[in-house]
């Protein structure tokens, strides 16, 4: 029969979880990057392993499950500010909650590329976007097959953050990807039917 954690230990764990979640939000906000859970745990060890206060030092030893639980719990608070921690394919990122107002959604998506190189569509991203556009709905596994088994998840996540791609659960429960209305607008298309007149993936337009 396992021992029940003491009240003091539970309090330290809760404090450590809160510290870790707060730190992760700060990291994601300032860097604008995505991290794996293990990558974030490494950062927590770097920052807090030698901290003098036990309740803070404990943040350095949280398991992946404990850290994930702390982040998901924090989402309830972040949602009030329109923010959300996302964990997609093992990558943790900070974004907005679902935006219901179309004009606001379009504005934010348009403004993303103006942030500099991080918002531009690179040639590699364009290849993935073309693959999704012509084959949608398409899963990660199907995308990888097109590119010879190369993992393209990070690029897919970036396209989704830019509002050009959206994900949903397919009939078999697997994550599927398709293009959005913003994709049509950005490439001056009125419907997906117009894609039939465009070069297929792997062909260069003149």
Protein backbone atom coordinates (compact mmCIF):
# COMPACT_ATOMS: atom_id res chain seq x y z
CA UNK A 1 0.00 0.00 0.00
CA UNK A 2 1.56 3.27 -1.15
CA UNK A 3 2.08 6.09 1.30
CA UNK A 4 -0.18 9.11 1.02
CA UNK A 5 1.82 12.30 0.33
CA UNK A 6 1.89 14.65 3.29
CA UNK A 7 0.04 17.95 3.17
CA UNK A 8 3.36 19.80 3.08
CA UNK A 9 4.64 17.73 0.15
CA UNK A 10 1.41 18.28 -1.79
CA UNK A 11 1.73 22.03 -1.20
CA UNK A 12 5.34 22.01 -2.45
CA UNK A 13 4.34 20.07 -5.55
CA UNK A 14 1.51 22.51 -6.26
CA UNK A 15 3.86 25.46 -5.78
CA UNK A 16 6.46 23.85 -8.05
CA UNK A 17 3.83 23.20 -10.71
CA UNK A 18 2.67 26.81 -10.59
CA UNK A 19 6.26 28.07 -10.85
CA UNK A 20 6.97 25.76 -13.77
CA UNK A 21 3.80 26.71 -15.65
CA UNK A 22 4.45 30.43 -15.13
CA UNK A 23 8.03 30.04 -16.33
CA UNK A 24 6.95 28.13 -19.44
CA UNK A 25 4.45 30.84 -20.38
CA UNK A 26 7.18 33.46 -20.01
CA UNK A 27 9.56 31.42 -22.17
CA UNK A 28 6.95 30.84 -24.89
CA UNK A 29 5.86 34.48 -24.88
CA UNK A 30 9.32 36.01 -25.15
CA UNK A 31 10.93 33.51 -27.54
CA UNK A 32 7.89 32.91 -29.75
CA UNK A 33 9.22 29.38 -30.22
CA UNK A 34 7.83 25.89 -29.72
CA UNK A 35 9.47 23.46 -27.30
CA UNK A 36 9.15 19.79 -26.51
CA UNK A 37 8.14 18.90 -22.96
CA UNK A 38 11.61 17.48 -22.37
CA UNK A 39 13.14 20.68 -23.71
CA UNK A 40 11.08 22.72 -21.26
CA UNK A 41 11.98 20.40 -18.39
CA UNK A 42 15.64 20.91 -19.28
CA UNK A 43 15.14 24.68 -19.07
CA UNK A 44 13.46 24.31 -15.68
CA UNK A 45 16.41 22.28 -14.41
CA UNK A 46 18.77 24.93 -15.76
CA UNK A 47 16.92 27.73 -13.97
CA UNK A 48 15.90 26.11 -10.69
CA UNK A 49 18.07 23.07 -9.87
CA UNK A 50 20.28 25.17 -7.59
CA UNK A 51 17.52 27.37 -6.17
CA UNK A 52 17.75 27.70 -2.39
CA UNK A 53 14.02 27.55 -1.71
CA UNK A 54 12.79 23.97 -1.77
CA UNK A 55 9.35 24.82 -3.17
CA UNK A 56 10.98 26.60 -6.13
CA UNK A 57 13.75 24.02 -6.58
CA UNK A 58 11.09 21.34 -6.92
CA UNK A 59 10.10 22.85 -10.29
CA UNK A 60 13.36 21.42 -11.65
CA UNK A 61 12.30 17.86 -10.91
CA UNK A 62 8.74 17.75 -12.26
CA UNK A 63 7.96 14.80 -14.50
CA UNK A 64 6.67 15.31 -18.03
CA UNK A 65 3.19 14.31 -16.87
CA UNK A 66 3.27 16.76 -13.95
CA UNK A 67 4.45 19.60 -16.21
CA UNK A 68 1.81 18.84 -18.83
CA UNK A 69 -0.92 18.76 -16.17
CA UNK A 70 0.26 22.12 -14.81
CA UNK A 71 0.19 23.69 -18.27
CA UNK A 72 -3.27 22.38 -19.11
CA UNK A 73 -4.58 23.56 -15.75
CA UNK A 74 -3.17 27.04 -16.41
CA UNK A 75 -5.14 27.15 -19.67
CA UNK A 76 -8.30 27.83 -17.66
CA UNK A 77 -6.75 31.09 -16.45
CA UNK A 78 -5.14 32.00 -19.78
CA UNK A 79 -8.43 31.56 -21.63
CA UNK A 80 -9.82 34.64 -19.88
CA UNK A 81 -7.12 36.65 -21.68
CA UNK A 82 -7.71 34.92 -25.01
CA UNK A 83 -4.56 32.79 -24.76
CA UNK A 84 -4.01 29.06 -24.86
CA UNK A 85 -1.10 26.68 -24.40
CA UNK A 86 -1.18 24.10 -27.18
CA UNK A 87 0.53 20.73 -27.24
CA UNK A 88 0.53 19.34 -30.78
CA UNK A 89 2.65 16.35 -31.80
CA UNK A 90 4.81 16.80 -28.73
CA UNK A 91 5.49 20.50 -29.34
CA UNK A 92 4.33 23.09 -26.79
CA UNK A 93 3.40 26.56 -28.04
CA UNK A 94 1.45 29.60 -26.88
CA UNK A 95 -1.28 30.98 -29.09
CA UNK A 96 -4.72 32.48 -28.99
CA UNK A 97 -7.93 30.68 -28.20
CA UNK A 98 -10.27 30.07 -31.13
CA UNK A 99 -11.22 33.42 -32.65
CA UNK A 100 -14.91 33.54 -33.53
CA UNK A 101 -14.99 36.98 -35.12
CA UNK A 102 -13.98 36.59 -38.80
CA UNK A 103 -12.62 40.10 -39.27
CA UNK A 104 -10.43 39.85 -36.19
CA UNK A 105 -9.21 36.42 -37.30
CA UNK A 106 -8.31 37.68 -40.76
CA UNK A 107 -6.58 40.76 -39.35
CA UNK A 108 -4.42 38.76 -36.94
CA UNK A 109 -3.50 36.26 -39.64
CA UNK A 110 -2.54 39.06 -42.04
CA UNK A 111 -0.41 40.73 -39.38
CA UNK A 112 1.54 37.58 -38.54
CA UNK A 113 3.75 37.66 -41.66
CA UNK A 114 4.66 41.31 -41.01
CA UNK A 115 6.51 40.30 -37.86
CA UNK A 116 9.58 39.53 -40.00
CA UNK A 117 11.18 36.37 -41.35
CA UNK A 118 9.43 34.19 -38.76
CA UNK A 119 6.10 34.95 -40.45
CA UNK A 120 7.19 34.46 -44.04
CA UNK A 121 6.34 31.37 -46.05
CA UNK A 122 9.63 29.64 -46.77
CA UNK A 123 10.10 27.35 -49.80
CA UNK A 124 9.89 24.34 -47.48
CA UNK A 125 6.62 25.59 -45.99
CA UNK A 126 5.25 26.24 -49.48
CA UNK A 127 5.91 22.62 -50.42
CA UNK A 128 3.97 21.41 -47.39
CA UNK A 129 1.16 23.89 -48.07
CA UNK A 130 0.89 22.69 -51.67
CA UNK A 131 0.78 19.07 -50.50
CA UNK A 132 -2.04 19.82 -48.05
CA UNK A 133 -3.94 21.97 -50.55
CA UNK A 134 -4.00 19.31 -53.29
CA UNK A 135 -4.50 16.25 -51.08
CA UNK A 136 -6.72 17.59 -48.25
CA UNK A 137 -7.81 16.29 -45.90
CA UNK A 138 -4.42 14.73 -45.22
CA UNK A 139 -2.70 13.28 -42.15
CA UNK A 140 0.87 13.68 -40.91
CA UNK A 141 1.65 10.13 -42.05
CA UNK A 142 0.41 10.89 -45.56
CA UNK A 143 2.47 14.09 -45.70
CA UNK A 144 5.57 12.20 -44.59
CA UNK A 145 5.03 9.59 -47.33
CA UNK A 146 4.93 12.34 -49.96
CA UNK A 147 8.30 13.62 -48.72
CA UNK A 148 9.98 10.25 -48.45
CA UNK A 149 9.36 9.69 -44.76
CA UNK A 150 10.81 13.02 -43.65
CA UNK A 151 9.11 14.45 -40.54
CA UNK A 152 7.40 17.73 -41.51
CA UNK A 153 5.40 18.29 -38.31
CA UNK A 154 7.16 21.52 -37.31
CA UNK A 155 6.36 23.13 -40.67
CA UNK A 156 2.74 22.01 -40.48
CA UNK A 157 2.44 23.55 -37.01
CA UNK A 158 3.86 26.83 -38.31
CA UNK A 159 1.37 26.92 -41.20
CA UNK A 160 -1.44 26.32 -38.74
CA UNK A 161 -0.22 29.15 -36.52
CA UNK A 162 -0.24 31.44 -39.57
CA UNK A 163 -3.90 30.57 -40.15
CA UNK A 164 -3.30 28.93 -43.54
CA UNK A 165 -3.96 25.39 -42.31
CA UNK A 166 -6.41 24.00 -39.77
CA UNK A 167 -6.56 20.62 -38.06
CA UNK A 168 -9.43 18.38 -37.02
CA UNK A 169 -10.00 14.80 -35.92
CA UNK A 170 -10.70 12.48 -38.84
CA UNK A 171 -13.16 9.55 -38.78
CA UNK A 172 -10.43 7.24 -37.46
CA UNK A 173 -9.40 9.73 -34.77
CA UNK A 174 -6.18 10.73 -36.51
CA UNK A 175 -5.33 14.41 -36.88
CA UNK A 176 -6.19 15.66 -40.38
CA UNK A 177 -5.16 18.91 -42.06
CA UNK A 178 -6.87 21.16 -44.59
CA UNK A 179 -6.44 24.70 -45.88
CA UNK A 180 -8.48 27.65 -44.59
CA UNK A 181 -10.39 30.60 -46.03
CA UNK A 182 -7.31 32.73 -45.36
CA UNK A 183 -5.32 30.41 -47.64
CA UNK A 184 -7.75 31.17 -50.46
CA UNK A 185 -7.55 34.90 -49.77
CA UNK A 186 -3.77 34.95 -49.56
CA UNK A 187 -3.38 33.22 -52.93
CA UNK A 188 -6.26 35.11 -54.58
CA UNK A 189 -8.44 32.03 -55.00
CA UNK A 190 -12.22 32.04 -54.80
CA UNK A 191 -12.52 28.29 -54.21
CA UNK A 192 -10.45 25.12 -54.00
CA UNK A 193 -11.70 24.18 -57.47
CA UNK A 194 -9.27 26.72 -58.89
CA UNK A 195 -6.38 24.60 -57.63
CA UNK A 196 -6.98 22.26 -60.56
CA UNK A 197 -5.55 24.91 -62.88
CA UNK A 198 -2.40 25.39 -60.78
CA UNK A 199 0.86 23.39 -60.99
CA UNK A 200 0.79 20.23 -58.87
CA UNK A 201 3.26 19.64 -56.04
CA UNK A 202 6.79 19.33 -57.37
CA UNK A 203 6.17 21.46 -60.49
CA UNK A 204 7.50 24.98 -60.88
CA UNK A 205 5.32 27.75 -62.24
CA UNK A 206 6.84 29.94 -64.94
